[in-house]
Amino acid sequence: MFFTSTRDNNVKVTASKAIADGISPDGGLYIPESIPQLSADEIKALCGVNYKERAKKVLGLYLTDFTKEELDYCVEGAYKDGKFDSEFVAPVVNVHDNVNILELFRGPTCAFKDMALQILPYLLTVSAKKNLKDKEIVILVATSGDTGKAALEGFKDVPGTRILVFYPNDGVSPMQKLQMTTQEGGNVGVCAIYGNFDDCQTGVKNIFTNKEILDRFEQNNLVFSSANSINWGRLAPQIVYYVSAYCDMINNGSIKYGDKINIVVPTGNFGNILAAYFAKEMGLPVNKLICASNANKVLTDFIETGVYDRNRDFYTTVSPSMDILISSNLERLLYILCGRDSAVINDWFTQLKENGKYEVSDEVKAQIQSLFVAGCCDDVKTKETINRVYNDYGYLADTHTAVALDVCDSYIESTGDNTPVVVASTASPFKFSKAVLSAVEGEKDYADEFSTVSALEDVSSLKAPAQLSALKGKEVRFTKVTSKENMADVVFEMLGI
């Protein structure tokens, strides 16, 4: 299995090279030359094994230059007992009727990013040994809230790596900010920027492809890589949990083998739902992929019209991890659907850079609409959904999961489609305690974030994850805020070069 670039069809690299690089030097995203298949018998066999064995099977189809021993090392280390607070790692919980929630927040930072960022350090260190000749790897991360903490935790004190995280100063929840700014580890750095996530993401991409910066890194025996989902090593592990969810639903009697499911994903950067698309293309019986957006509904509009237009108002919402107007991973999907024509991708994304918009062909639009359904949900409906689902079914959802649940219910109501549904639940409700608490009991003022957490525990009779409660009183290590134009200088400062 080789990988090419969405911006240059002539690129041909191994999986380990794609993971070590993070992003192709031409600015494109690495993508497998073909999508491997899981046969019916292979999917049935996966029903009889645990999450780690499912991960080894799925990842092994993509990471073909990893030996069996290397893959075992990566998977066993990432998902070893005790790292996730469920024996299933990513359990499926029935909420009502045919609606099931895939709980992806059982890891050390209480967000779905743990599913990939617990294994990425292992994948990257193995890849580095194959490709980077003893250079120190600098992991550069843009985050809308959850990726930053999950990456910091995953790479904390990993030998041969440094990790630097940028986040929008006013675009994450108080708990998300505390998780990042109190991060332990001798190889970590965190900085806020004045701007939104798109500013962070654009700044990081520009740094990755700036020759002057790359030359300075070369002189200091450093090399960049990424922990964002632009890195194939971040995206591939996300495919696993959709396959695993299907197997668990067979095992618990929700479906029979061969039955199709719908998958609903709260989506900002398009990586999580793209992983579901790959699972479908590998042979998982999936009917519809349902893309759920918040008020920043650029993806909903794109799927419905074929026009991607980021020239619009940006909203800061109660689901901040989805406050994104430039969805990086969409590029991988479009590359596949346009016949893997890098010239077309370069044209569309040049238009996006220069004009803020592009329109896909009628053929590509038709393919998108045959695969995906889209919907959106504003803050008012998000809170109404949290309240309704909690009071009707006793399930406490976070603000991002609530967006998906609302879009899911709207889809079922408008279509009558009773296909069993898997809703990706991306974070613990205690990471967004103020918004969740106000949804459940109405607006009230509490002294600080931890008073709010305590009140939510009382109202819900649930216990906040220990790793969140432990942040109370923890020393804040990182307080720097910078402009988006100054990000490269901050990188040099944090690295001391």
Protein backbone atom coordinates (compact mmCIF):
# COMPACT_ATOMS: atom_id res chain seq x y z
CA MET A 1 0.00 0.00 0.00
CA PHE A 2 1.47 3.32 -1.14
CA PHE A 3 0.26 6.86 -0.55
CA THR A 4 0.01 9.78 -2.93
CA SER A 5 -0.71 13.49 -2.46
CA THR A 6 -4.01 15.18 -3.20
CA ARG A 7 -1.99 17.96 -4.87
CA ASP A 8 0.43 15.82 -6.91
CA ASN A 9 -0.41 12.43 -8.41
CA ASN A 10 3.30 11.73 -8.97
CA VAL A 11 3.96 11.39 -5.23
CA LYS A 12 4.36 7.79 -4.07
CA VAL A 13 5.44 7.09 -0.48
CA THR A 14 5.06 4.37 2.14
CA ALA A 15 2.62 4.62 5.02
CA SER A 16 5.45 5.30 7.49
CA LYS A 17 6.77 8.13 5.30
CA ALA A 18 3.28 9.66 5.08
CA ILE A 19 2.92 9.50 8.87
CA ALA A 20 6.39 10.89 9.53
CA ASP A 21 5.85 13.82 7.14
CA GLY A 22 2.32 14.63 8.33
CA ILE A 23 1.63 16.68 5.21
CA SER A 24 3.06 16.38 1.70
CA PRO A 25 5.74 18.98 0.81
CA ASP A 26 3.45 20.29 -1.95
CA GLY A 27 0.83 21.20 0.66
CA GLY A 28 -1.43 18.29 -0.22
CA LEU A 29 -2.74 15.57 2.09
CA TYR A 30 -1.46 12.02 1.87
CA ILE A 31 -4.06 9.47 0.82
CA PRO A 32 -3.82 5.72 0.06
CA GLU A 33 -3.62 4.88 -3.63
CA SER A 34 -6.60 2.56 -3.15
CA ILE A 35 -9.03 1.67 -0.38
CA PRO A 36 -8.49 -1.87 0.95
CA GLN A 37 -11.44 -4.16 1.44
CA LEU A 38 -12.83 -6.06 4.41
CA SER A 39 -14.71 -9.17 3.29
CA ALA A 40 -17.93 -10.33 4.89
CA ASP A 41 -16.08 -13.20 6.56
CA GLU A 42 -13.42 -10.83 7.93
CA ILE A 43 -16.04 -8.51 9.45
CA LYS A 44 -17.82 -11.50 11.01
CA ALA A 45 -14.50 -12.70 12.45
CA LEU A 46 -13.90 -9.30 14.02
CA CYS A 47 -17.10 -9.71 16.02
CA GLY A 48 -15.34 -12.41 18.03
CA VAL A 49 -12.30 -10.36 19.09
CA ASN A 50 -11.62 -7.28 21.21
CA TYR A 51 -10.95 -3.69 20.16
CA LYS A 52 -7.19 -4.14 19.97
CA GLU A 53 -7.46 -7.07 17.56
CA ARG A 54 -9.94 -5.14 15.41
CA ALA A 55 -7.49 -2.23 15.30
CA LYS A 56 -4.62 -4.48 14.23
CA LYS A 57 -6.70 -5.90 11.38
CA VAL A 58 -7.97 -2.58 10.02
CA LEU A 59 -4.73 -0.65 10.44
CA GLY A 60 -2.70 -3.51 9.02
CA LEU A 61 -4.50 -3.10 5.69
CA TYR A 62 -3.13 0.45 5.39
CA LEU A 63 0.19 0.34 7.23
CA THR A 64 1.75 -2.35 5.10
CA ASP A 65 5.37 -1.35 5.75
CA PHE A 66 4.90 -1.94 9.48
CA THR A 67 5.88 -5.41 10.63
CA LYS A 68 3.43 -7.46 12.68
CA GLU A 69 5.60 -6.85 15.73
CA GLU A 70 5.64 -3.08 15.13
CA LEU A 71 1.87 -2.93 14.71
CA ASP A 72 1.35 -5.07 17.82
CA TYR A 73 3.60 -2.67 19.77
CA CYS A 74 1.63 0.37 18.62
CA VAL A 75 -1.85 -1.03 19.24
CA GLU A 76 -1.11 -2.78 22.52
CA GLY A 77 0.53 0.37 23.89
CA ALA A 78 -2.27 2.69 22.81
CA TYR A 79 -5.24 0.67 24.02
CA LYS A 80 -3.76 -1.21 26.95
CA ASP A 81 -6.01 -1.98 29.91
CA GLY A 82 -6.63 1.00 32.14
CA LYS A 83 -6.15 3.75 29.53
CA PHE A 84 -9.85 3.80 28.66
CA ASP A 85 -12.58 3.49 31.26
CA SER A 86 -14.54 0.89 29.30
CA GLU A 87 -13.50 -2.65 28.44
CA PHE A 88 -14.94 -1.98 24.96
CA VAL A 89 -12.71 1.14 24.56
CA ALA A 90 -15.47 2.76 22.48
CA PRO A 91 -18.77 1.32 23.77
CA VAL A 92 -22.11 1.53 21.96
CA VAL A 93 -25.06 2.61 24.14
CA ASN A 94 -28.68 2.41 23.03
CA VAL A 95 -30.53 5.65 23.80
CA HIS A 96 -33.93 4.89 22.35
CA ASP A 97 -35.49 2.80 19.60
CA ASN A 98 -32.90 2.43 16.81
CA VAL A 99 -30.69 5.32 17.99
CA ASN A 100 -27.36 4.27 19.46
CA ILE A 101 -24.50 6.41 20.75
CA LEU A 102 -20.89 5.46 20.11
CA GLU A 103 -19.07 6.81 23.16
CA LEU A 104 -15.68 7.96 21.94
CA PHE A 105 -14.78 9.93 25.07
CA ARG A 106 -13.66 7.16 27.41
CA GLY A 107 -9.95 7.97 27.08
CA PRO A 108 -7.53 10.03 29.19
CA THR A 109 -8.65 13.48 27.95
CA CYS A 110 -12.40 12.70 27.70
CA ALA A 111 -12.64 13.40 23.95
CA PHE A 112 -12.82 11.32 20.79
CA LYS A 113 -9.37 12.55 19.76
CA ASP A 114 -7.90 10.08 22.29
CA MET A 115 -8.97 7.22 20.03
CA ALA A 116 -6.29 8.25 17.52
CA LEU A 117 -3.91 10.35 19.59
CA GLN A 118 -3.12 7.56 22.01
CA ILE A 119 -1.76 5.50 19.12
CA LEU A 120 -0.22 8.25 16.96
CA PRO A 121 2.92 8.68 19.12
CA TYR A 122 3.63 4.97 18.69
CA LEU A 123 2.97 5.10 14.94
CA LEU A 124 5.12 8.20 14.60
CA THR A 125 8.11 6.92 16.56
CA VAL A 126 8.12 3.69 14.53
CA SER A 127 7.79 5.73 11.32
CA ALA A 128 10.60 8.06 12.38
CA LYS A 129 13.03 5.17 12.81
CA LYS A 130 12.27 4.12 9.25
CA ASN A 131 12.52 7.58 7.66
CA LEU A 132 14.04 10.42 9.71
CA LYS A 133 17.61 9.39 10.60
CA ASP A 134 17.67 10.44 14.27
CA LYS A 135 16.15 13.90 13.74
CA GLU A 136 13.99 15.30 16.52
CA ILE A 137 10.34 15.55 15.51
CA VAL A 138 8.42 18.74 16.23
CA ILE A 139 4.67 18.05 16.36
CA LEU A 140 2.83 21.22 15.39
CA VAL A 141 -0.88 21.29 16.23
CA ALA A 142 -3.78 23.63 15.57
CA THR A 143 -6.74 22.87 17.81
CA SER A 144 -10.35 23.90 18.23
CA GLY A 145 -10.20 22.46 21.73
CA ASP A 146 -9.93 18.67 21.96
CA THR A 147 -7.07 17.76 19.61
CA GLY A 148 -4.65 19.98 21.53
CA LYS A 149 -5.05 18.30 24.90
CA ALA A 150 -5.24 14.80 23.43
CA ALA A 151 -2.05 15.41 21.42
CA LEU A 152 -0.25 16.97 24.40
CA GLU A 153 -1.15 14.01 26.56
CA GLY A 154 -0.24 11.48 23.89
CA PHE A 155 3.18 12.99 23.15
CA LYS A 156 4.06 14.10 26.70
CA ASP A 157 7.72 13.19 27.33
CA VAL A 158 7.87 10.86 24.30
CA PRO A 159 11.61 10.65 23.49
CA GLY A 160 12.71 12.35 20.27
CA THR A 161 9.62 14.57 20.04
CA ARG A 162 8.55 18.11 20.91
CA ILE A 163 4.90 19.18 20.68
CA LEU A 164 3.63 22.74 20.20
CA VAL A 165 -0.08 23.58 20.27
CA PHE A 166 -1.92 26.70 19.08
CA TYR A 167 -5.55 27.36 20.03
CA PRO A 168 -8.00 30.28 19.57
CA ASN A 169 -7.93 32.30 22.79
CA ASP A 170 -11.68 32.86 22.91
CA GLY A 171 -12.73 29.75 20.98
CA VAL A 172 -12.47 26.89 23.49
CA SER A 173 -14.37 26.03 26.67
CA PRO A 174 -12.87 26.93 30.07
CA MET A 175 -12.23 23.25 30.76
CA GLN A 176 -10.53 22.73 27.40
CA LYS A 177 -8.29 25.75 28.06
CA LEU A 178 -7.37 24.48 31.52
CA GLN A 179 -6.52 21.07 30.14
CA MET A 180 -4.01 22.61 27.74
CA THR A 181 -2.53 25.42 29.83
CA THR A 182 -1.80 23.14 32.80
CA GLN A 183 -0.26 20.38 30.68
CA GLU A 184 2.71 18.61 32.24
CA GLY A 185 5.77 17.40 30.34
CA GLY A 186 9.20 18.67 29.46
CA ASN A 187 8.67 18.60 25.69
CA VAL A 188 5.38 20.53 25.43
CA GLY A 189 4.47 24.10 24.52
CA VAL A 190 1.09 25.85 24.29
CA CYS A 191 0.15 29.26 22.92
CA ALA A 192 -3.20 30.98 22.30
CA ILE A 193 -3.80 33.22 19.29
CA TYR A 194 -6.05 36.19 18.70
CA GLY A 195 -8.34 34.68 16.09
CA ASN A 196 -10.35 31.56 15.40
CA PHE A 197 -9.48 27.94 14.65
CA ASP A 198 -9.22 28.59 10.91
CA ASP A 199 -6.51 31.16 11.67
CA CYS A 200 -4.64 28.57 13.75
CA GLN A 201 -4.99 25.90 11.09
CA THR A 202 -3.94 28.18 8.23
CA GLY A 203 -0.95 29.38 10.24
CA VAL A 204 0.21 25.84 10.96
CA LYS A 205 -0.15 24.80 7.30
CA ASN A 206 1.83 27.86 6.20
CA ILE A 207 4.62 27.03 8.64
CA PHE A 208 4.74 23.44 7.36
CA THR A 209 5.42 24.60 3.79
CA ASN A 210 7.61 27.68 4.43
CA LYS A 211 11.07 27.00 2.95
CA GLU A 212 12.87 29.49 5.19
CA ILE A 213 11.42 27.85 8.30
CA LEU A 214 12.17 24.35 6.98
CA ASP A 215 15.79 25.35 6.28
CA ARG A 216 16.14 26.64 9.84
CA PHE A 217 14.77 23.36 11.13
CA GLU A 218 17.24 21.43 8.96
CA GLN A 219 20.12 23.42 10.46
CA ASN A 220 18.93 22.43 13.94
CA ASN A 221 18.35 18.74 13.09
CA LEU A 222 14.59 19.17 13.51
CA VAL A 223 11.70 18.05 11.31
CA PHE A 224 7.99 18.88 11.41
CA SER A 225 5.13 16.45 11.66
CA SER A 226 1.45 16.86 12.53
CA ALA A 227 -0.99 15.44 15.04
CA ASN A 228 -3.97 17.02 13.30
CA SER A 229 -6.14 14.85 11.10
CA ILE A 230 -4.23 16.13 8.08
CA ASN A 231 -1.83 13.35 9.20
CA TRP A 232 -2.92 9.96 7.90
CA GLY A 233 -1.71 8.43 11.17
CA ARG A 234 -4.43 10.43 12.93
CA LEU A 235 -7.19 9.54 10.51
CA ALA A 236 -6.62 5.80 10.04
CA PRO A 237 -7.26 4.84 13.70
CA GLN A 238 -10.63 6.59 13.50
CA ILE A 239 -11.78 4.10 10.86
CA VAL A 240 -11.38 1.34 13.43
CA TYR A 241 -14.10 2.50 15.81
CA TYR A 242 -16.82 2.48 13.16
CA VAL A 243 -15.96 -1.10 12.25
CA SER A 244 -15.86 -1.96 15.95
CA ALA A 245 -19.25 -0.33 16.59
CA TYR A 246 -20.83 -2.42 13.83
CA CYS A 247 -19.39 -5.59 15.40
CA ASP A 248 -20.64 -4.61 18.86
CA MET A 249 -24.13 -3.96 17.49
CA ILE A 250 -24.16 -7.45 15.99
CA ASN A 251 -22.98 -8.89 19.30
CA ASN A 252 -25.64 -7.09 21.36
CA GLY A 253 -28.44 -8.03 18.97
CA SER A 254 -29.17 -4.53 17.64
CA ILE A 255 -28.53 -5.70 14.07
CA LYS A 256 -27.83 -8.87 12.13
CA TYR A 257 -24.78 -9.17 9.90
CA GLY A 258 -25.44 -7.49 6.58
CA ASP A 259 -27.95 -5.01 8.00
CA LYS A 260 -27.08 -1.46 7.05
CA ILE A 261 -26.59 1.31 9.57
CA ASN A 262 -26.66 5.10 9.34
CA ILE A 263 -23.79 7.02 10.92
CA VAL A 264 -24.27 10.55 12.27
CA VAL A 265 -21.19 12.62 13.03
CA PRO A 266 -20.93 16.13 14.50
CA THR A 267 -18.48 17.61 12.07
CA GLY A 268 -16.15 20.60 11.78
CA ASN A 269 -12.91 19.61 10.08
CA PHE A 270 -14.53 16.61 8.30
CA GLY A 271 -11.99 14.06 9.60
CA ASN A 272 -14.32 12.04 11.81
CA ILE A 273 -16.98 11.59 9.15
CA LEU A 274 -14.32 10.95 6.51
CA ALA A 275 -13.17 7.99 8.62
CA ALA A 276 -16.75 6.69 8.49
CA TYR A 277 -16.68 7.10 4.70
CA PHE A 278 -13.51 5.00 4.51
CA ALA A 279 -15.15 2.32 6.66
CA LYS A 280 -18.11 2.27 4.27
CA GLU A 281 -15.86 2.05 1.22
CA MET A 282 -13.93 -0.80 2.85
CA GLY A 283 -17.13 -2.84 2.92
CA LEU A 284 -18.92 -1.90 6.15
CA PRO A 285 -22.69 -2.01 5.46
CA VAL A 286 -23.54 1.70 5.72
CA ASN A 287 -26.63 3.34 4.26
CA LYS A 288 -26.18 7.08 4.85
CA LEU A 289 -23.44 9.23 6.32
CA ILE A 290 -25.14 12.14 8.08
CA CYS A 291 -23.04 15.26 8.53
CA ALA A 292 -24.17 17.42 11.48
CA SER A 293 -23.02 21.06 11.70
CA ASN A 294 -23.62 23.79 14.25
CA ALA A 295 -24.34 27.40 13.26
CA ASN A 296 -21.09 27.39 11.26
CA LYS A 297 -22.85 25.33 8.62
CA VAL A 298 -20.39 25.61 5.74
CA LEU A 299 -20.42 21.82 5.27
CA THR A 300 -24.22 21.57 5.32
CA ASP A 301 -24.45 24.23 2.64
CA PHE A 302 -21.71 22.56 0.60
CA ILE A 303 -23.32 19.13 0.64
CA GLU A 304 -26.66 20.62 -0.37
CA THR A 305 -25.37 22.98 -3.10
CA GLY A 306 -21.91 21.85 -4.24
CA VAL A 307 -20.57 25.33 -3.43
CA TYR A 308 -17.99 25.65 -0.67
CA ASP A 309 -18.02 29.25 0.55
CA ARG A 310 -16.18 30.38 3.66
CA ASN A 311 -17.10 34.01 3.02
CA ARG A 312 -19.66 34.17 5.80
CA ASP A 313 -20.12 35.18 9.41
CA PHE A 314 -18.17 33.11 11.93
CA TYR A 315 -20.06 32.12 15.07
CA THR A 316 -18.61 31.28 18.47
CA THR A 317 -20.95 28.56 19.75
CA VAL A 318 -21.49 26.23 22.70
CA SER A 319 -20.02 23.46 20.51
CA PRO A 320 -16.63 25.13 19.94
CA SER A 321 -14.79 22.14 18.48
CA MET A 322 -17.03 22.54 15.42
CA ASP A 323 -16.46 26.28 15.02
CA ILE A 324 -14.62 25.84 11.74
CA LEU A 325 -15.10 27.30 8.25
CA ILE A 326 -12.22 25.59 6.44
CA SER A 327 -12.67 21.81 6.64
CA SER A 328 -9.27 20.36 5.76
CA ASN A 329 -10.21 16.71 5.35
CA LEU A 330 -12.83 17.46 2.73
CA GLU A 331 -9.89 17.64 0.31
CA ARG A 332 -9.29 13.89 0.64
CA LEU A 333 -12.92 13.07 -0.18
CA LEU A 334 -12.99 15.40 -3.18
CA TYR A 335 -9.74 13.93 -4.49
CA ILE A 336 -11.33 10.47 -4.56
CA LEU A 337 -14.64 11.64 -6.02
CA CYS A 338 -13.08 13.69 -8.83
CA GLY A 339 -11.25 10.62 -10.10
CA ARG A 340 -8.02 11.29 -8.16
CA ASP A 341 -7.19 14.24 -10.38
CA SER A 342 -4.73 16.45 -8.48
CA ALA A 343 -5.03 19.20 -11.10
CA VAL A 344 -8.72 19.59 -10.25
CA ILE A 345 -7.95 19.70 -6.51
CA ASN A 346 -5.25 22.32 -7.03
CA ASP A 347 -7.72 24.43 -9.01
CA TRP A 348 -10.49 24.23 -6.40
CA PHE A 349 -8.23 24.90 -3.43
CA THR A 350 -6.44 27.74 -5.17
CA GLN A 351 -9.88 29.29 -5.64
CA LEU A 352 -10.59 28.73 -1.94
CA LYS A 353 -7.34 30.43 -0.96
CA GLU A 354 -7.74 33.36 -3.32
CA ASN A 355 -11.51 33.88 -3.38
CA GLY A 356 -12.77 31.98 -0.34
CA LYS A 357 -15.00 29.68 -2.39
CA TYR A 358 -15.18 27.05 -5.10
CA GLU A 359 -17.87 24.96 -6.79
CA VAL A 360 -17.48 21.28 -7.61
CA SER A 361 -18.69 19.69 -10.82
CA ASP A 362 -22.24 18.36 -11.14
CA GLU A 363 -20.83 14.81 -11.23
CA VAL A 364 -18.95 15.24 -7.96
CA LYS A 365 -21.95 16.95 -6.34
CA ALA A 366 -24.18 14.02 -7.33
CA GLN A 367 -21.73 11.55 -5.77
CA ILE A 368 -21.57 13.58 -2.55
CA GLN A 369 -25.35 13.73 -2.28
CA SER A 370 -25.65 9.98 -2.87
CA LEU A 371 -23.31 9.33 0.07
CA PHE A 372 -24.05 12.12 2.53
CA VAL A 373 -26.99 13.86 4.14
CA ALA A 374 -26.42 17.13 5.96
CA GLY A 375 -28.15 19.12 8.65
CA CYS A 376 -27.38 21.88 11.13
CA CYS A 377 -28.38 22.99 14.60
CA ASP A 378 -27.93 26.34 16.36
CA ASP A 379 -27.20 26.88 20.06
CA VAL A 380 -30.85 27.13 21.05
CA LYS A 381 -31.71 23.77 19.48
CA THR A 382 -28.50 22.26 20.85
CA LYS A 383 -29.55 23.08 24.42
CA GLU A 384 -33.14 22.01 23.78
CA THR A 385 -31.81 18.65 22.56
CA ILE A 386 -29.60 18.17 25.63
CA ASN A 387 -32.64 18.87 27.83
CA ARG A 388 -35.00 16.62 25.88
CA VAL A 389 -32.64 13.64 25.59
CA TYR A 390 -31.76 13.88 29.28
CA ASN A 391 -35.35 14.19 30.50
CA ASP A 392 -36.86 11.67 28.06
CA TYR A 393 -34.14 9.03 28.03
CA GLY A 394 -31.84 9.76 30.97
CA TYR A 395 -28.79 10.30 28.74
CA LEU A 396 -26.59 13.37 29.30
CA ALA A 397 -24.99 14.47 26.03
CA ASP A 398 -22.35 17.10 25.49
CA THR A 399 -22.97 20.04 23.19
CA HIS A 400 -21.40 18.44 20.10
CA THR A 401 -23.22 15.13 20.49
CA ALA A 402 -26.45 17.10 20.94
CA VAL A 403 -25.95 18.72 17.53
CA ALA A 404 -25.69 15.25 16.02
CA LEU A 405 -28.74 13.99 17.92
CA ASP A 406 -30.86 16.92 16.73
CA VAL A 407 -29.80 16.43 13.10
CA CYS A 408 -30.40 12.69 13.48
CA ASP A 409 -33.94 13.21 14.78
CA SER A 410 -34.71 15.74 12.02
CA TYR A 411 -33.47 13.28 9.38
CA ILE A 412 -35.60 10.44 10.75
CA GLU A 413 -38.67 12.68 10.99
CA SER A 414 -38.32 14.03 7.46
CA THR A 415 -37.49 10.72 5.75
CA GLY A 416 -39.10 8.01 7.87
CA ASP A 417 -35.83 6.11 7.58
CA ASN A 418 -35.74 3.62 10.47
CA THR A 419 -32.31 2.23 9.69
CA PRO A 420 -30.39 1.63 12.96
CA VAL A 421 -28.30 4.71 13.71
CA VAL A 422 -24.88 5.17 15.27
CA VAL A 423 -24.32 8.70 16.60
CA ALA A 424 -20.67 9.57 17.25
CA SER A 425 -20.41 11.09 20.73
CA THR A 426 -17.25 13.14 20.79
CA ALA A 427 -16.76 14.45 24.35
CA SER A 428 -17.76 14.15 27.97
CA PRO A 429 -20.54 16.59 28.93
CA PHE A 430 -18.31 17.75 31.80
CA LYS A 431 -15.92 19.36 29.31
CA PHE A 432 -18.73 21.81 28.51
CA SER A 433 -20.38 21.90 31.92
CA LYS A 434 -21.71 25.47 31.78
CA ALA A 435 -23.63 24.97 28.54
CA VAL A 436 -24.83 21.48 29.49
CA LEU A 437 -25.94 22.58 32.95
CA SER A 438 -27.83 25.59 31.60
CA ALA A 439 -29.55 23.28 29.12
CA VAL A 440 -30.68 20.94 31.88
CA GLU A 441 -31.69 23.39 34.62
CA GLY A 442 -31.70 26.87 33.07
CA GLU A 443 -29.22 29.75 33.23
CA LYS A 444 -27.54 30.22 36.60
CA ASP A 445 -24.31 31.88 37.68
CA TYR A 446 -21.63 29.83 39.37
CA ALA A 447 -18.39 31.10 40.85
CA ASP A 448 -16.06 29.17 38.58
CA GLU A 449 -15.75 26.18 36.25
CA PHE A 450 -15.47 23.67 39.08
CA SER A 451 -18.57 24.97 40.87
CA THR A 452 -20.37 24.39 37.60
CA VAL A 453 -18.95 20.88 37.33
CA SER A 454 -20.07 20.14 40.88
CA ALA A 455 -23.57 21.45 40.17
CA LEU A 456 -23.80 19.30 37.03
CA GLU A 457 -22.78 16.27 39.08
CA ASP A 458 -25.56 17.04 41.56
CA VAL A 459 -28.21 17.57 38.90
CA SER A 460 -27.31 14.52 36.82
CA SER A 461 -26.21 12.14 39.59
CA LEU A 462 -23.16 11.43 37.42
CA LYS A 463 -19.55 11.71 38.50
CA ALA A 464 -17.25 13.99 36.54
CA PRO A 465 -14.22 12.19 35.10
CA ALA A 466 -11.38 12.25 37.63
CA GLN A 467 -8.94 13.71 35.11
CA LEU A 468 -11.15 16.80 34.78
CA SER A 469 -11.81 17.23 38.50
CA ALA A 470 -8.07 16.97 39.14
CA LEU A 471 -7.47 20.19 37.19
CA LYS A 472 -8.84 22.24 40.09
CA GLY A 473 -6.00 24.26 41.57
CA LYS A 474 -3.45 22.91 39.12
CA GLU A 475 -0.70 25.34 38.12
CA VAL A 476 -1.19 27.13 34.80
CA ARG A 477 2.08 26.80 32.87
CA PHE A 478 1.23 28.49 29.57
CA THR A 479 -0.25 31.98 29.34
CA LYS A 480 1.15 33.39 26.09
CA VAL A 481 -1.22 34.85 23.48
CA THR A 482 0.03 35.94 20.05
CA SER A 483 -1.23 37.21 16.71
CA LYS A 484 -1.75 34.80 13.83
CA GLU A 485 1.03 36.60 11.93
CA ASN A 486 3.55 35.88 14.71
CA MET A 487 3.04 32.11 15.01
CA ALA A 488 6.34 31.16 13.35
CA ASP A 489 8.31 33.37 15.75
CA VAL A 490 6.54 31.72 18.68
CA VAL A 491 7.54 28.30 17.33
CA PHE A 492 11.20 29.38 17.27
CA GLU A 493 10.87 30.87 20.75
CA MET A 494 9.29 27.74 22.25
CA LEU A 495 11.96 25.56 20.64
CA GLY A 496 14.80 27.87 21.62
CA ILE A 497 16.26 28.13 18.11
